[in-house]
Amino acid sequence: MGMSSLAEIAARHRVRLLLQHGSTVSGHLHSESDLDVAALFDDGQASLASVVALSAELRMYAFRRSQDHRRFLALERPYVRQALRRLAAR
């Protein structure tokens, strides 16, 4: 099963508008940054169950995306170490 796009997730949960906000948008990322999103549901009012269901699917989406990039992040560590060693040797 392929990963759903954000548009597919929004449609499945009857979300009209999904906004990303906070440090990931403003560029003020830090080690404790998280992903902040706001949702406007089609009916204008969401039940707790619908918010929880959307939140759960968005968490899984974010987790899968981070796993997709994990191997690239692992390749980056040795490169950074090597670059730092070269800089320190100057």
C-alpha atoms as a PDB file:
ATOM      1  CA  MET A   1       0.000   0.000   0.000  1.00  0.00           C
ATOM      2  CA  GLY A   2       1.424   3.369  -1.028  1.00  0.00           C
ATOM      3  CA  MET A   3       1.615   6.362   1.225  1.00  0.00           C
ATOM      4  CA  SER A   4      -1.315   8.741   1.006  1.00  0.00           C
ATOM      5  CA  SER A   5      -0.688  12.326   0.023  1.00  0.00           C
ATOM      6  CA  LEU A   6      -1.758  15.128   2.319  1.00  0.00           C
ATOM      7  CA  ALA A   7      -4.528  15.956  -0.163  1.00  0.00           C
ATOM      8  CA  GLU A   8      -5.851  12.394   0.065  1.00  0.00           C
ATOM      9  CA  ILE A   9      -5.713  12.472   3.865  1.00  0.00           C
ATOM     10  CA  ALA A  10      -7.555  15.805   3.919  1.00  0.00           C
ATOM     11  CA  ALA A  11     -10.247  14.508   1.548  1.00  0.00           C
ATOM     12  CA  ARG A  12     -10.716  11.312   3.552  1.00  0.00           C
ATOM     13  CA  HIS A  13     -11.281  13.332   6.741  1.00  0.00           C
ATOM     14  CA  ARG A  14     -13.398  16.019   5.040  1.00  0.00           C
ATOM     15  CA  VAL A  15     -10.842  18.752   5.651  1.00  0.00           C
ATOM     16  CA  ARG A  16     -11.305  21.836   3.490  1.00  0.00           C
ATOM     17  CA  LEU A  17      -8.073  23.555   4.510  1.00  0.00           C
ATOM     18  CA  LEU A  18      -4.937  22.199   6.173  1.00  0.00           C
ATOM     19  CA  LEU A  19      -2.386  24.823   7.258  1.00  0.00           C
ATOM     20  CA  GLN A  20       1.141  24.323   8.478  1.00  0.00           C
ATOM     21  CA  HIS A  21       2.335  26.981  10.915  1.00  0.00           C
ATOM     22  CA  GLY A  22       4.927  27.544  13.621  1.00  0.00           C
ATOM     23  CA  SER A  23       8.697  27.178  13.575  1.00  0.00           C
ATOM     24  CA  THR A  24       8.757  24.873  10.537  1.00  0.00           C
ATOM     25  CA  VAL A  25       7.222  27.665   8.464  1.00  0.00           C
ATOM     26  CA  SER A  26       8.871  30.684  10.087  1.00  0.00           C
ATOM     27  CA  GLY A  27      12.339  29.163   9.721  1.00  0.00           C
ATOM     28  CA  HIS A  28      13.037  29.226  13.464  1.00  0.00           C
ATOM     29  CA  LEU A  29      13.631  25.482  13.773  1.00  0.00           C
ATOM     30  CA  HIS A  30      15.367  24.055  16.826  1.00  0.00           C
ATOM     31  CA  SER A  31      15.968  20.596  18.276  1.00  0.00           C
ATOM     32  CA  GLU A  32      12.575  20.596  20.023  1.00  0.00           C
ATOM     33  CA  SER A  33      10.590  21.783  16.989  1.00  0.00           C
ATOM     34  CA  ASP A  34       7.457  19.897  16.097  1.00  0.00           C
ATOM     35  CA  LEU A  35       5.057  20.166  13.188  1.00  0.00           C
ATOM     36  CA  ASP A  36       2.114  22.472  13.840  1.00  0.00           C
ATOM     37  CA  VAL A  37      -0.988  22.152  11.680  1.00  0.00           C
ATOM     38  CA  ALA A  38      -4.472  23.615  11.756  1.00  0.00           C
ATOM     39  CA  ALA A  39      -7.472  22.064  10.014  1.00  0.00           C
ATOM     40  CA  LEU A  40     -10.737  23.553   8.821  1.00  0.00           C
ATOM     41  CA  PHE A  41     -13.288  20.789   8.374  1.00  0.00           C
ATOM     42  CA  ASP A  42     -15.881  20.905   5.578  1.00  0.00           C
ATOM     43  CA  ASP A  43     -18.803  21.105   7.982  1.00  0.00           C
ATOM     44  CA  GLY A  44     -17.097  23.884   9.975  1.00  0.00           C
ATOM     45  CA  GLN A  45     -17.349  21.941  13.209  1.00  0.00           C
ATOM     46  CA  ALA A  46     -15.483  18.762  13.992  1.00  0.00           C
ATOM     47  CA  SER A  47     -16.177  16.092  16.559  1.00  0.00           C
ATOM     48  CA  LEU A  48     -13.435  14.960  18.908  1.00  0.00           C
ATOM     49  CA  ALA A  49     -13.430  11.607  17.116  1.00  0.00           C
ATOM     50  CA  SER A  50     -12.786  13.230  13.729  1.00  0.00           C
ATOM     51  CA  VAL A  51      -9.950  15.373  15.131  1.00  0.00           C
ATOM     52  CA  VAL A  52      -8.356  12.335  16.782  1.00  0.00           C
ATOM     53  CA  ALA A  53      -8.644  10.286  13.571  1.00  0.00           C
ATOM     54  CA  LEU A  54      -7.054  13.066  11.495  1.00  0.00           C
ATOM     55  CA  SER A  55      -4.290  13.529  14.066  1.00  0.00           C
ATOM     56  CA  ALA A  56      -3.503   9.811  14.071  1.00  0.00           C
ATOM     57  CA  GLU A  57      -3.243   9.674  10.287  1.00  0.00           C
ATOM     58  CA  LEU A  58      -1.091  12.814  10.141  1.00  0.00           C
ATOM     59  CA  ARG A  59       1.251  11.330  12.759  1.00  0.00           C
ATOM     60  CA  MET A  60       1.611   8.164  10.688  1.00  0.00           C
ATOM     61  CA  TYR A  61       2.216  10.265   7.563  1.00  0.00           C
ATOM     62  CA  ALA A  62       4.987  12.217   9.330  1.00  0.00           C
ATOM     63  CA  PHE A  63       6.541   9.017  10.712  1.00  0.00           C
ATOM     64  CA  ARG A  64       6.618   7.337   7.308  1.00  0.00           C
ATOM     65  CA  ARG A  65       8.138  10.437   5.704  1.00  0.00           C
ATOM     66  CA  SER A  66      10.902  10.531   8.324  1.00  0.00           C
ATOM     67  CA  GLN A  67      11.606   6.824   7.741  1.00  0.00           C
ATOM     68  CA  ASP A  68      11.860   7.450   3.994  1.00  0.00           C
ATOM     69  CA  HIS A  69      14.662   9.982   4.622  1.00  0.00           C
ATOM     70  CA  ARG A  70      16.433   8.039   7.362  1.00  0.00           C
ATOM     71  CA  ARG A  71      19.003   6.435   5.064  1.00  0.00           C
ATOM     72  CA  PHE A  72      19.985   9.830   3.646  1.00  0.00           C
ATOM     73  CA  LEU A  73      20.410  11.268   7.138  1.00  0.00           C
ATOM     74  CA  ALA A  74      22.640   8.287   8.009  1.00  0.00           C
ATOM     75  CA  LEU A  75      24.828   9.061   4.977  1.00  0.00           C
ATOM     76  CA  GLU A  76      25.123  12.683   6.055  1.00  0.00           C
ATOM     77  CA  ARG A  77      26.727  11.966   9.453  1.00  0.00           C
ATOM     78  CA  PRO A  78      30.046  10.547   8.118  1.00  0.00           C
ATOM     79  CA  TYR A  79      30.262  13.383   5.592  1.00  0.00           C
ATOM     80  CA  VAL A  80      29.857  16.006   8.320  1.00  0.00           C
ATOM     81  CA  ARG A  81      32.440  14.267  10.532  1.00  0.00           C
ATOM     82  CA  GLN A  82      34.928  14.208   7.672  1.00  0.00           C
ATOM     83  CA  ALA A  83      34.313  17.868   6.843  1.00  0.00           C
ATOM     84  CA  LEU A  84      34.818  18.841  10.487  1.00  0.00           C
ATOM     85  CA  ARG A  85      38.069  16.901  10.655  1.00  0.00           C
ATOM     86  CA  ARG A  86      39.336  18.707   7.555  1.00  0.00           C
ATOM     87  CA  LEU A  87      38.412  22.062   9.052  1.00  0.00           C
ATOM     88  CA  ALA A  88      40.079  21.207  12.355  1.00  0.00           C
ATOM     89  CA  ALA A  89      43.287  20.148  10.555  1.00  0.00           C
ATOM     90  CA  ARG A  90      43.718  23.589   8.969  1.00  0.00           C
END
